[in-house]
Amino acid sequence: MAWTFNGTLLTSPFSRNWSALSGPHGNGHLPGGNYRIGRAHRWAQNEAAYTDPNGLCWFCPLVPDFGTSRTGLGIHPDGNVPGTEGCIGIQGIITETCLLDLQRSRGEILIVKY
């Protein structure tokens, strides 16, 4: 089972999806291709860019299955100015279900296709 991201919607293999955005800041949107899902974890610190409106702060790293010079890619709540610097930013108030699904999916594949 794989996760998918099409530029506006992140979909889990557990039949859930979330509005999401990648870019346009920094190096732009997340490059298309396949990624391994890393260990999703909550952050104790309140980093505004990774915190949803309910105060939940978290990050899930993504490891590209292809060559790229891009680093620090991941999935997280889109917490301040709309958009990201290349990650997938989950839109909306409640992001905990996304975090929980990502924690269950460590090592699985995310397919990014625009």
PDB file of N, CA and C in Angstrom:
ATOM      1  N   MET A   1       0.846  -1.179   0.000  1.00  0.00           N
ATOM      2  CA  MET A   1       0.000   0.000   0.000  1.00  0.00           C
ATOM      3  C   MET A   1       0.888   1.238   0.000  1.00  0.00           C
ATOM      4  N   ALA A   2       0.475   2.240  -0.766  1.00  0.00           N
ATOM      5  CA  ALA A   2       1.278   3.453  -0.872  1.00  0.00           C
ATOM      6  C   ALA A   2       0.434   4.686  -0.565  1.00  0.00           C
ATOM      7  N   TRP A   3       1.112   5.711  -0.093  1.00  0.00           N
ATOM      8  CA  TRP A   3       0.547   7.041   0.059  1.00  0.00           C
ATOM      9  C   TRP A   3       0.676   7.744  -1.289  1.00  0.00           C
ATOM     10  N   THR A   4      -0.173   8.762  -1.535  1.00  0.00           N
ATOM     11  CA  THR A   4      -0.049   9.558  -2.750  1.00  0.00           C
ATOM     12  C   THR A   4      -0.221  11.038  -2.422  1.00  0.00           C
ATOM     13  N   PHE A   5       0.443  11.872  -3.229  1.00  0.00           N
ATOM     14  CA  PHE A   5       0.283  13.326  -3.147  1.00  0.00           C
ATOM     15  C   PHE A   5       0.243  13.862  -4.564  1.00  0.00           C
ATOM     16  N   ASN A   6      -0.822  14.642  -4.872  1.00  0.00           N
ATOM     17  CA  ASN A   6      -0.994  15.160  -6.232  1.00  0.00           C
ATOM     18  C   ASN A   6      -0.832  16.679  -6.335  1.00  0.00           C
ATOM     19  N   GLY A   7      -0.362  17.308  -5.283  1.00  0.00           N
ATOM     20  CA  GLY A   7      -0.188  18.753  -5.283  1.00  0.00           C
ATOM     21  C   GLY A   7      -1.213  19.484  -4.440  1.00  0.00           C
ATOM     22  N   THR A   8      -2.364  18.859  -4.220  1.00  0.00           N
ATOM     23  CA  THR A   8      -3.407  19.472  -3.390  1.00  0.00           C
ATOM     24  C   THR A   8      -4.013  18.504  -2.380  1.00  0.00           C
ATOM     25  N   LEU A   9      -3.743  17.213  -2.528  1.00  0.00           N
ATOM     26  CA  LEU A   9      -4.363  16.214  -1.666  1.00  0.00           C
ATOM     27  C   LEU A   9      -3.346  15.121  -1.316  1.00  0.00           C
ATOM     28  N   LEU A  10      -3.171  14.872  -0.008  1.00  0.00           N
ATOM     29  CA  LEU A  10      -2.356  13.767   0.487  1.00  0.00           C
ATOM     30  C   LEU A  10      -3.318  12.652   0.883  1.00  0.00           C
ATOM     31  N   THR A  11      -3.091  11.452   0.340  1.00  0.00           N
ATOM     32  CA  THR A  11      -3.991  10.322   0.590  1.00  0.00           C
ATOM     33  C   THR A  11      -3.219   9.177   1.215  1.00  0.00           C
ATOM     34  N   SER A  12      -3.770   8.638   2.309  1.00  0.00           N
ATOM     35  CA  SER A  12      -3.147   7.505   2.992  1.00  0.00           C
ATOM     36  C   SER A  12      -3.740   6.199   2.472  1.00  0.00           C
ATOM     37  N   PRO A  13      -3.039   5.081   2.682  1.00  0.00           N
ATOM     38  CA  PRO A  13      -3.591   3.784   2.292  1.00  0.00           C
ATOM     39  C   PRO A  13      -4.710   3.329   3.229  1.00  0.00           C
ATOM     40  N   PHE A  14      -5.024   4.154   4.244  1.00  0.00           N
ATOM     41  CA  PHE A  14      -6.078   3.827   5.202  1.00  0.00           C
ATOM     42  C   PHE A  14      -7.380   4.539   4.849  1.00  0.00           C
ATOM     43  N   SER A  15      -7.517   4.942   3.577  1.00  0.00           N
ATOM     44  CA  SER A  15      -8.734   5.585   3.052  1.00  0.00           C
ATOM     45  C   SER A  15      -9.028   6.937   3.703  1.00  0.00           C
ATOM     46  N   ARG A  16      -7.973   7.681   4.031  1.00  0.00           N
ATOM     47  CA  ARG A  16      -8.141   9.045   4.534  1.00  0.00           C
ATOM     48  C   ARG A  16      -7.322   9.979   3.662  1.00  0.00           C
ATOM     49  N   ASN A  17      -7.773  11.236   3.581  1.00  0.00           N
ATOM     50  CA  ASN A  17      -6.999  12.218   2.836  1.00  0.00           C
ATOM     51  C   ASN A  17      -7.099  13.579   3.497  1.00  0.00           C
ATOM     52  N   TRP A  18      -6.125  14.429   3.168  1.00  0.00           N
ATOM     53  CA  TRP A  18      -6.012  15.756   3.755  1.00  0.00           C
ATOM     54  C   TRP A  18      -5.653  16.755   2.669  1.00  0.00           C
ATOM     55  N   SER A  19      -6.233  17.941   2.756  1.00  0.00           N
ATOM     56  CA  SER A  19      -5.806  19.030   1.879  1.00  0.00           C
ATOM     57  C   SER A  19      -4.369  19.352   2.237  1.00  0.00           C
ATOM     58  N   ALA A  20      -3.543  19.557   1.224  1.00  0.00           N
ATOM     59  CA  ALA A  20      -2.119  19.793   1.459  1.00  0.00           C
ATOM     60  C   ALA A  20      -1.550  20.678   0.362  1.00  0.00           C
ATOM     61  N   LEU A  21      -0.406  21.287   0.679  1.00  0.00           N
ATOM     62  CA  LEU A  21       0.253  22.202  -0.237  1.00  0.00           C
ATOM     63  C   LEU A  21       1.752  21.970  -0.154  1.00  0.00           C
ATOM     64  N   SER A  22       2.432  22.076  -1.290  1.00  0.00           N
ATOM     65  CA  SER A  22       3.889  21.999  -1.313  1.00  0.00           C
ATOM     66  C   SER A  22       4.417  23.203  -2.078  1.00  0.00           C
ATOM     67  N   GLY A  23       5.443  23.880  -1.520  1.00  0.00           N
ATOM     68  CA  GLY A  23       5.966  25.101  -2.139  1.00  0.00           C
ATOM     69  C   GLY A  23       5.037  26.252  -1.817  1.00  0.00           C
ATOM     70  N   PRO A  24       5.149  27.383  -2.376  1.00  0.00           N
ATOM     71  CA  PRO A  24       6.052  27.804  -3.442  1.00  0.00           C
ATOM     72  C   PRO A  24       7.333  28.439  -2.915  1.00  0.00           C
ATOM     73  N   HIS A  25       7.542  28.422  -1.606  1.00  0.00           N
ATOM     74  CA  HIS A  25       8.684  29.110  -1.000  1.00  0.00           C
ATOM     75  C   HIS A  25       9.969  28.293  -1.163  1.00  0.00           C
ATOM     76  N   GLY A  26      11.109  28.905  -0.842  1.00  0.00           N
ATOM     77  CA  GLY A  26      12.390  28.203  -0.883  1.00  0.00           C
ATOM     78  C   GLY A  26      12.682  27.677  -2.281  1.00  0.00           C
ATOM     79  N   ASN A  27      12.868  26.357  -2.390  1.00  0.00           N
ATOM     80  CA  ASN A  27      13.162  25.727  -3.683  1.00  0.00           C
ATOM     81  C   ASN A  27      11.913  25.268  -4.417  1.00  0.00           C
ATOM     82  N   GLY A  28      10.751  25.719  -3.975  1.00  0.00           N
ATOM     83  CA  GLY A  28       9.506  25.341  -4.647  1.00  0.00           C
ATOM     84  C   GLY A  28       8.936  24.043  -4.125  1.00  0.00           C
ATOM     85  N   HIS A  29       8.041  23.455  -4.921  1.00  0.00           N
ATOM     86  CA  HIS A  29       7.322  22.261  -4.462  1.00  0.00           C
ATOM     87  C   HIS A  29       8.224  21.032  -4.408  1.00  0.00           C
ATOM     88  N   LEU A  30       7.733  20.029  -3.691  1.00  0.00           N
ATOM     89  CA  LEU A  30       8.403  18.745  -3.561  1.00  0.00           C
ATOM     90  C   LEU A  30       8.543  18.118  -4.950  1.00  0.00           C
ATOM     91  N   PRO A  31       9.738  17.660  -5.338  1.00  0.00           N
ATOM     92  CA  PRO A  31       9.888  17.030  -6.648  1.00  0.00           C
ATOM     93  C   PRO A  31       9.024  15.775  -6.771  1.00  0.00           C
ATOM     94  N   GLY A  32       8.511  15.548  -7.964  1.00  0.00           N
ATOM     95  CA  GLY A  32       7.755  14.328  -8.228  1.00  0.00           C
ATOM     96  C   GLY A  32       8.653  13.111  -8.111  1.00  0.00           C
ATOM     97  N   GLY A  33       8.082  11.982  -7.741  1.00  0.00           N
ATOM     98  CA  GLY A  33       8.825  10.732  -7.613  1.00  0.00           C
ATOM     99  C   GLY A  33       8.372   9.947  -6.400  1.00  0.00           C
ATOM    100  N   ASN A  34       9.130   8.912  -6.065  1.00  0.00           N
ATOM    101  CA  ASN A  34       8.806   8.052  -4.928  1.00  0.00           C
ATOM    102  C   ASN A  34       9.708   8.371  -3.746  1.00  0.00           C
ATOM    103  N   TYR A  35       9.125   8.318  -2.545  1.00  0.00           N
ATOM    104  CA  TYR A  35       9.831   8.613  -1.309  1.00  0.00           C
ATOM    105  C   TYR A  35       9.530   7.526  -0.287  1.00  0.00           C
ATOM    106  N   ARG A  36      10.481   7.220   0.578  1.00  0.00           N
ATOM    107  CA  ARG A  36      10.254   6.362   1.740  1.00  0.00           C
ATOM    108  C   ARG A  36       9.796   7.259   2.886  1.00  0.00           C
ATOM    109  N   ILE A  37       8.806   6.801   3.611  1.00  0.00           N
ATOM    110  CA  ILE A  37       8.294   7.543   4.759  1.00  0.00           C
ATOM    111  C   ILE A  37       9.143   7.207   5.977  1.00  0.00           C
ATOM    112  N   GLY A  38       9.678   8.237   6.604  1.00  0.00           N
ATOM    113  CA  GLY A  38      10.526   8.071   7.779  1.00  0.00           C
ATOM    114  C   GLY A  38       9.707   8.022   9.065  1.00  0.00           C
ATOM    115  N   ARG A  39      10.394   8.200  10.174  1.00  0.00           N
ATOM    116  CA  ARG A  39       9.758   8.130  11.502  1.00  0.00           C
ATOM    117  C   ARG A  39       9.065   9.448  11.824  1.00  0.00           C
ATOM    118  N   ALA A  40       7.746   9.441  11.821  1.00  0.00           N
ATOM    119  CA  ALA A  40       6.955  10.630  12.173  1.00  0.00           C
ATOM    120  C   ALA A  40       6.984  10.812  13.680  1.00  0.00           C
ATOM    121  N   HIS A  41       7.207  12.048  14.113  1.00  0.00           N
ATOM    122  CA  HIS A  41       7.287  12.292  15.550  1.00  0.00           C
ATOM    123  C   HIS A  41       6.760  13.676  15.914  1.00  0.00           C
ATOM    124  N   ARG A  42       6.225  13.742  17.122  1.00  0.00           N
ATOM    125  CA  ARG A  42       5.787  15.028  17.684  1.00  0.00           C
ATOM    126  C   ARG A  42       7.011  15.789  18.144  1.00  0.00           C
ATOM    127  N   TRP A  43       6.909  17.095  18.098  1.00  0.00           N
ATOM    128  CA  TRP A  43       7.957  17.960  18.631  1.00  0.00           C
ATOM    129  C   TRP A  43       7.440  18.615  19.887  1.00  0.00           C
ATOM    130  N   ALA A  44       8.243  18.602  20.931  1.00  0.00           N
ATOM    131  CA  ALA A  44       7.860  19.242  22.191  1.00  0.00           C
ATOM    132  C   ALA A  44       7.871  20.754  22.047  1.00  0.00           C
ATOM    133  N   GLN A  45       8.832  21.255  21.259  1.00  0.00           N
ATOM    134  CA  GLN A  45       8.886  22.705  21.051  1.00  0.00           C
ATOM    135  C   GLN A  45       7.769  23.123  20.114  1.00  0.00           C
ATOM    136  N   ASN A  46       7.360  24.352  20.216  1.00  0.00           N
ATOM    137  CA  ASN A  46       6.286  24.851  19.371  1.00  0.00           C
ATOM    138  C   ASN A  46       6.898  25.625  18.207  1.00  0.00           C
ATOM    139  N   GLU A  47       7.293  24.923  17.179  1.00  0.00           N
ATOM    140  CA  GLU A  47       7.851  25.519  15.967  1.00  0.00           C
ATOM    141  C   GLU A  47       6.682  25.930  15.072  1.00  0.00           C
ATOM    142  N   ALA A  48       6.462  27.220  14.912  1.00  0.00           N
ATOM    143  CA  ALA A  48       5.268  27.739  14.241  1.00  0.00           C
ATOM    144  C   ALA A  48       5.019  27.111  12.873  1.00  0.00           C
ATOM    145  N   ALA A  49       6.060  26.919  12.079  1.00  0.00           N
ATOM    146  CA  ALA A  49       5.878  26.391  10.726  1.00  0.00           C
ATOM    147  C   ALA A  49       5.370  24.948  10.723  1.00  0.00           C
ATOM    148  N   TYR A  50       5.556  24.214  11.832  1.00  0.00           N
ATOM    149  CA  TYR A  50       5.165  22.802  11.907  1.00  0.00           C
ATOM    150  C   TYR A  50       4.040  22.551  12.911  1.00  0.00           C
ATOM    151  N   THR A  51       3.291  23.580  13.268  1.00  0.00           N
ATOM    152  CA  THR A  51       2.249  23.472  14.293  1.00  0.00           C
ATOM    153  C   THR A  51       0.887  23.776  13.702  1.00  0.00           C
ATOM    154  N   ASP A  52      -0.082  22.893  13.961  1.00  0.00           N
ATOM    155  CA  ASP A  52      -1.441  23.157  13.466  1.00  0.00           C
ATOM    156  C   ASP A  52      -2.164  24.118  14.416  1.00  0.00           C
ATOM    157  N   PRO A  53      -3.333  24.616  14.032  1.00  0.00           N
ATOM    158  CA  PRO A  53      -4.055  25.583  14.876  1.00  0.00           C
ATOM    159  C   PRO A  53      -4.444  25.055  16.255  1.00  0.00           C
ATOM    160  N   ASN A  54      -4.443  23.730  16.444  1.00  0.00           N
ATOM    161  CA  ASN A  54      -4.739  23.140  17.756  1.00  0.00           C
ATOM    162  C   ASN A  54      -3.494  23.018  18.627  1.00  0.00           C
ATOM    163  N   GLY A  55      -2.331  23.444  18.114  1.00  0.00           N
ATOM    164  CA  GLY A  55      -1.103  23.406  18.894  1.00  0.00           C
ATOM    165  C   GLY A  55      -0.290  22.131  18.752  1.00  0.00           C
ATOM    166  N   LEU A  56      -0.691  21.228  17.857  1.00  0.00           N
ATOM    167  CA  LEU A  56       0.057  19.982  17.649  1.00  0.00           C
ATOM    168  C   LEU A  56       1.196  20.252  16.674  1.00  0.00           C
ATOM    169  N   CYS A  57       2.431  19.997  17.146  1.00  0.00           N
ATOM    170  CA  CYS A  57       3.642  20.249  16.364  1.00  0.00           C
ATOM    171  C   CYS A  57       4.290  18.910  16.027  1.00  0.00           C
ATOM    172  N   TRP A  58       4.494  18.636  14.719  1.00  0.00           N
ATOM    173  CA  TRP A  58       5.090  17.357  14.331  1.00  0.00           C
ATOM    174  C   TRP A  58       5.770  17.451  12.968  1.00  0.00           C
ATOM    175  N   PHE A  59       6.588  16.418  12.671  1.00  0.00           N
ATOM    176  CA  PHE A  59       7.309  16.347  11.402  1.00  0.00           C
ATOM    177  C   PHE A  59       7.531  14.886  11.043  1.00  0.00           C
ATOM    178  N   CYS A  60       7.407  14.582   9.753  1.00  0.00           N
ATOM    179  CA  CYS A  60       7.681  13.243   9.237  1.00  0.00           C
ATOM    180  C   CYS A  60       8.652  13.371   8.066  1.00  0.00           C
ATOM    181  N   PRO A  61       9.891  12.872   8.209  1.00  0.00           N
ATOM    182  CA  PRO A  61      10.856  12.989   7.115  1.00  0.00           C
ATOM    183  C   PRO A  61      10.509  12.091   5.935  1.00  0.00           C
ATOM    184  N   LEU A  62      10.890  12.559   4.756  1.00  0.00           N
ATOM    185  CA  LEU A  62      10.744  11.797   3.523  1.00  0.00           C
ATOM    186  C   LEU A  62      12.125  11.586   2.925  1.00  0.00           C
ATOM    187  N   VAL A  63      12.406  10.363   2.479  1.00  0.00           N
ATOM    188  CA  VAL A  63      13.685  10.022   1.878  1.00  0.00           C
ATOM    189  C   VAL A  63      13.446   9.695   0.410  1.00  0.00           C
ATOM    190  N   PRO A  64      13.965  10.517  -0.513  1.00  0.00           N
ATOM    191  CA  PRO A  64      13.746  10.269  -1.938  1.00  0.00           C
ATOM    192  C   PRO A  64      14.359   8.945  -2.390  1.00  0.00           C
ATOM    193  N   ASP A  65      13.653   8.241  -3.290  1.00  0.00           N
ATOM    194  CA  ASP A  65      14.176   7.018  -3.908  1.00  0.00           C
ATOM    195  C   ASP A  65      14.880   7.351  -5.222  1.00  0.00           C
ATOM    196  N   PHE A  66      15.336   8.587  -5.371  1.00  0.00           N
ATOM    197  CA  PHE A  66      15.996   9.043  -6.593  1.00  0.00           C
ATOM    198  C   PHE A  66      17.033  10.093  -6.207  1.00  0.00           C
ATOM    199  N   GLY A  67      17.933  10.388  -7.092  1.00  0.00           N
ATOM    200  CA  GLY A  67      18.968  11.366  -6.811  1.00  0.00           C
ATOM    201  C   GLY A  67      18.434  12.789  -6.818  1.00  0.00           C
ATOM    202  N   THR A  68      18.760  13.551  -5.786  1.00  0.00           N
ATOM    203  CA  THR A  68      18.394  14.957  -5.704  1.00  0.00           C
ATOM    204  C   THR A  68      19.325  15.641  -4.706  1.00  0.00           C
ATOM    205  N   SER A  69      19.532  16.922  -4.913  1.00  0.00           N
ATOM    206  CA  SER A  69      20.339  17.682  -3.954  1.00  0.00           C
ATOM    207  C   SER A  69      19.480  18.252  -2.835  1.00  0.00           C
ATOM    208  N   ARG A  70      18.156  18.066  -2.922  1.00  0.00           N
ATOM    209  CA  ARG A  70      17.240  18.587  -1.911  1.00  0.00           C
ATOM    210  C   ARG A  70      17.352  17.774  -0.625  1.00  0.00           C
ATOM    211  N   THR A  71      17.327  18.470   0.513  1.00  0.00           N
ATOM    212  CA  THR A  71      17.393  17.818   1.822  1.00  0.00           C
ATOM    213  C   THR A  71      16.321  18.406   2.728  1.00  0.00           C
ATOM    214  N   GLY A  72      16.075  17.753   3.859  1.00  0.00           N
ATOM    215  CA  GLY A  72      15.119  18.252   4.839  1.00  0.00           C
ATOM    216  C   GLY A  72      13.676  18.165   4.395  1.00  0.00           C
ATOM    217  N   LEU A  73      13.366  17.263   3.485  1.00  0.00           N
ATOM    218  CA  LEU A  73      12.012  17.122   2.965  1.00  0.00           C
ATOM    219  C   LEU A  73      11.158  16.313   3.931  1.00  0.00           C
ATOM    220  N   GLY A  74       9.876  16.654   4.010  1.00  0.00           N
ATOM    221  CA  GLY A  74       9.004  15.932   4.915  1.00  0.00           C
ATOM    222  C   GLY A  74       7.551  16.336   4.787  1.00  0.00           C
ATOM    223  N   ILE A  75       6.771  15.854   5.718  1.00  0.00           N
ATOM    224  CA  ILE A  75       5.342  16.169   5.832  1.00  0.00           C
ATOM    225  C   ILE A  75       5.136  16.763   7.213  1.00  0.00           C
ATOM    226  N   HIS A  76       4.364  17.843   7.298  1.00  0.00           N
ATOM    227  CA  HIS A  76       4.093  18.502   8.573  1.00  0.00           C
ATOM    228  C   HIS A  76       2.879  19.404   8.438  1.00  0.00           C
ATOM    229  N   PRO A  77       2.290  19.848   9.548  1.00  0.00           N
ATOM    230  CA  PRO A  77       1.219  20.840   9.452  1.00  0.00           C
ATOM    231  C   PRO A  77       1.759  22.114   8.802  1.00  0.00           C
ATOM    232  N   ASP A  78       0.931  22.781   8.027  1.00  0.00           N
ATOM    233  CA  ASP A  78       1.305  24.060   7.414  1.00  0.00           C
ATOM    234  C   ASP A  78       0.915  25.152   8.394  1.00  0.00           C
ATOM    235  N   GLY A  79       1.861  25.497   9.283  1.00  0.00           N
ATOM    236  CA  GLY A  79       1.529  26.259  10.465  1.00  0.00           C
ATOM    237  C   GLY A  79       1.548  27.763  10.438  1.00  0.00           C
ATOM    238  N   ASN A  80       2.226  28.410   9.512  1.00  0.00           N
ATOM    239  CA  ASN A  80       2.195  29.870   9.546  1.00  0.00           C
ATOM    240  C   ASN A  80       1.799  30.390   8.174  1.00  0.00           C
ATOM    241  N   VAL A  81       2.675  31.070   7.458  1.00  0.00           N
ATOM    242  CA  VAL A  81       2.337  31.561   6.122  1.00  0.00           C
ATOM    243  C   VAL A  81       1.999  30.358   5.247  1.00  0.00           C
ATOM    244  N   PRO A  82       0.874  30.369   4.536  1.00  0.00           N
ATOM    245  CA  PRO A  82       0.504  29.219   3.706  1.00  0.00           C
ATOM    246  C   PRO A  82       1.618  28.828   2.729  1.00  0.00           C
ATOM    247  N   GLY A  83       1.864  27.539   2.660  1.00  0.00           N
ATOM    248  CA  GLY A  83       2.883  27.008   1.782  1.00  0.00           C
ATOM    249  C   GLY A  83       4.087  26.516   2.557  1.00  0.00           C
ATOM    250  N   THR A  84       5.007  25.868   1.832  1.00  0.00           N
ATOM    251  CA  THR A  84       6.200  25.286   2.443  1.00  0.00           C
ATOM    252  C   THR A  84       7.421  25.628   1.596  1.00  0.00           C
ATOM    253  N   GLU A  85       8.579  25.204   2.071  1.00  0.00           N
ATOM    254  CA  GLU A  85       9.830  25.376   1.329  1.00  0.00           C
ATOM    255  C   GLU A  85      10.219  24.081   0.623  1.00  0.00           C
ATOM    256  N   GLY A  86       9.246  23.267   0.287  1.00  0.00           N
ATOM    257  CA  GLY A  86       9.506  22.014  -0.411  1.00  0.00           C
ATOM    258  C   GLY A  86       8.914  20.798   0.255  1.00  0.00           C
ATOM    259  N   CYS A  87       8.415  20.951   1.465  1.00  0.00           N
ATOM    260  CA  CYS A  87       7.741  19.844   2.163  1.00  0.00           C
ATOM    261  C   CYS A  87       6.284  19.769   1.717  1.00  0.00           C
ATOM    262  N   ILE A  88       5.556  18.833   2.295  1.00  0.00           N
ATOM    263  CA  ILE A  88       4.104  18.770   2.137  1.00  0.00           C
ATOM    264  C   ILE A  88       3.507  19.332   3.415  1.00  0.00           C
ATOM    265  N   GLY A  89       2.768  20.420   3.308  1.00  0.00           N
ATOM    266  CA  GLY A  89       2.135  21.063   4.447  1.00  0.00           C
ATOM    267  C   GLY A  89       0.665  20.696   4.525  1.00  0.00           C
ATOM    268  N   ILE A  90       0.270  20.053   5.611  1.00  0.00           N
ATOM    269  CA  ILE A  90      -1.124  19.647   5.812  1.00  0.00           C
ATOM    270  C   ILE A  90      -1.932  20.872   6.222  1.00  0.00           C
ATOM    271  N   GLN A  91      -3.003  21.145   5.493  1.00  0.00           N
ATOM    272  CA  GLN A  91      -3.866  22.287   5.743  1.00  0.00           C
ATOM    273  C   GLN A  91      -4.960  21.903   6.728  1.00  0.00           C
ATOM    274  N   GLY A  92      -5.444  22.871   7.487  1.00  0.00           N
ATOM    275  CA  GLY A  92      -6.603  22.632   8.335  1.00  0.00           C
ATOM    276  C   GLY A  92      -6.276  22.565   9.808  1.00  0.00           C
ATOM    277  N   ILE A  93      -7.328  22.421  10.570  1.00  0.00           N
ATOM    278  CA  ILE A  93      -7.234  22.500  12.019  1.00  0.00           C
ATOM    279  C   ILE A  93      -6.740  21.202  12.642  1.00  0.00           C
ATOM    280  N   ILE A  94      -7.239  20.068  12.179  1.00  0.00           N
ATOM    281  CA  ILE A  94      -6.923  18.795  12.810  1.00  0.00           C
ATOM    282  C   ILE A  94      -5.960  18.010  11.930  1.00  0.00           C
ATOM    283  N   THR A  95      -4.713  17.819  12.411  1.00  0.00           N
ATOM    284  CA  THR A  95      -3.717  17.061  11.650  1.00  0.00           C
ATOM    285  C   THR A  95      -3.291  15.780  12.364  1.00  0.00           C
ATOM    286  N   GLU A  96      -3.859  15.531  13.545  1.00  0.00           N
ATOM    287  CA  GLU A  96      -3.435  14.375  14.342  1.00  0.00           C
ATOM    288  C   GLU A  96      -3.690  13.049  13.633  1.00  0.00           C
ATOM    289  N   THR A  97      -4.796  12.925  12.895  1.00  0.00           N
ATOM    290  CA  THR A  97      -5.057  11.661  12.202  1.00  0.00           C
ATOM    291  C   THR A  97      -3.982  11.403  11.139  1.00  0.00           C
ATOM    292  N   CYS A  98      -3.511  12.451  10.501  1.00  0.00           N
ATOM    293  CA  CYS A  98      -2.430  12.292   9.527  1.00  0.00           C
ATOM    294  C   CYS A  98      -1.162  11.812  10.231  1.00  0.00           C
ATOM    295  N   LEU A  99      -0.804  12.450  11.336  1.00  0.00           N
ATOM    296  CA  LEU A  99       0.371  12.028  12.098  1.00  0.00           C
ATOM    297  C   LEU A  99       0.261  10.562  12.503  1.00  0.00           C
ATOM    298  N   LEU A 100      -0.878  10.151  13.022  1.00  0.00           N
ATOM    299  CA  LEU A 100      -1.054   8.764  13.465  1.00  0.00           C
ATOM    300  C   LEU A 100      -0.922   7.785  12.299  1.00  0.00           C
ATOM    301  N   ASP A 101      -1.498   8.121  11.140  1.00  0.00           N
ATOM    302  CA  ASP A 101      -1.360   7.258   9.963  1.00  0.00           C
ATOM    303  C   ASP A 101       0.093   7.182   9.511  1.00  0.00           C
ATOM    304  N   LEU A 102       0.810   8.312   9.534  1.00  0.00           N
ATOM    305  CA  LEU A 102       2.220   8.307   9.153  1.00  0.00           C
ATOM    306  C   LEU A 102       3.058   7.471  10.122  1.00  0.00           C
ATOM    307  N   GLN A 103       2.735   7.512  11.408  1.00  0.00           N
ATOM    308  CA  GLN A 103       3.460   6.698  12.384  1.00  0.00           C
ATOM    309  C   GLN A 103       3.271   5.207  12.120  1.00  0.00           C
ATOM    310  N   ARG A 104       2.125   4.836  11.588  1.00  0.00           N
ATOM    311  CA  ARG A 104       1.843   3.435  11.237  1.00  0.00           C
ATOM    312  C   ARG A 104       2.515   3.029   9.925  1.00  0.00           C
ATOM    313  N   SER A 105       2.999   4.012   9.153  1.00  0.00           N
ATOM    314  CA  SER A 105       3.459   3.769   7.781  1.00  0.00           C
ATOM    315  C   SER A 105       4.963   3.853   7.593  1.00  0.00           C
ATOM    316  N   ARG A 106       5.718   3.883   8.649  1.00  0.00           N
ATOM    317  CA  ARG A 106       7.164   4.033   8.536  1.00  0.00           C
ATOM    318  C   ARG A 106       7.736   3.006   7.564  1.00  0.00           C
ATOM    319  N   GLY A 107       8.521   3.489   6.599  1.00  0.00           N
ATOM    320  CA  GLY A 107       9.149   2.609   5.602  1.00  0.00           C
ATOM    321  C   GLY A 107       8.305   2.404   4.365  1.00  0.00           C
ATOM    322  N   GLU A 108       7.053   2.807   4.392  1.00  0.00           N
ATOM    323  CA  GLU A 108       6.212   2.660   3.206  1.00  0.00           C
ATOM    324  C   GLU A 108       6.550   3.735   2.180  1.00  0.00           C
ATOM    325  N   ILE A 109       5.920   3.679   1.039  1.00  0.00           N
ATOM    326  CA  ILE A 109       6.207   4.562  -0.090  1.00  0.00           C
ATOM    327  C   ILE A 109       5.164   5.680  -0.184  1.00  0.00           C
ATOM    328  N   LEU A 110       5.648   6.877  -0.513  1.00  0.00           N
ATOM    329  CA  LEU A 110       4.805   7.990  -0.903  1.00  0.00           C
ATOM    330  C   LEU A 110       5.086   8.254  -2.372  1.00  0.00           C
ATOM    331  N   ILE A 111       4.052   8.275  -3.192  1.00  0.00           N
ATOM    332  CA  ILE A 111       4.177   8.578  -4.613  1.00  0.00           C
ATOM    333  C   ILE A 111       3.718  10.015  -4.839  1.00  0.00           C
ATOM    334  N   VAL A 112       4.619  10.860  -5.327  1.00  0.00           N
ATOM    335  CA  VAL A 112       4.306  12.248  -5.620  1.00  0.00           C
ATOM    336  C   VAL A 112       4.205  12.388  -7.134  1.00  0.00           C
ATOM    337  N   LYS A 113       3.003  12.728  -7.607  1.00  0.00           N
ATOM    338  CA  LYS A 113       2.761  12.861  -9.045  1.00  0.00           C
ATOM    339  C   LYS A 113       1.815  14.026  -9.264  1.00  0.00           C
ATOM    340  N   TYR A 114       2.285  15.024 -10.004  1.00  0.00           N
ATOM    341  CA  TYR A 114       1.480  16.233 -10.255  1.00  0.00           C
ATOM    342  C   TYR A 114       0.729  16.121 -11.561  1.00  0.00           C
TER     343      TYR A 114
END
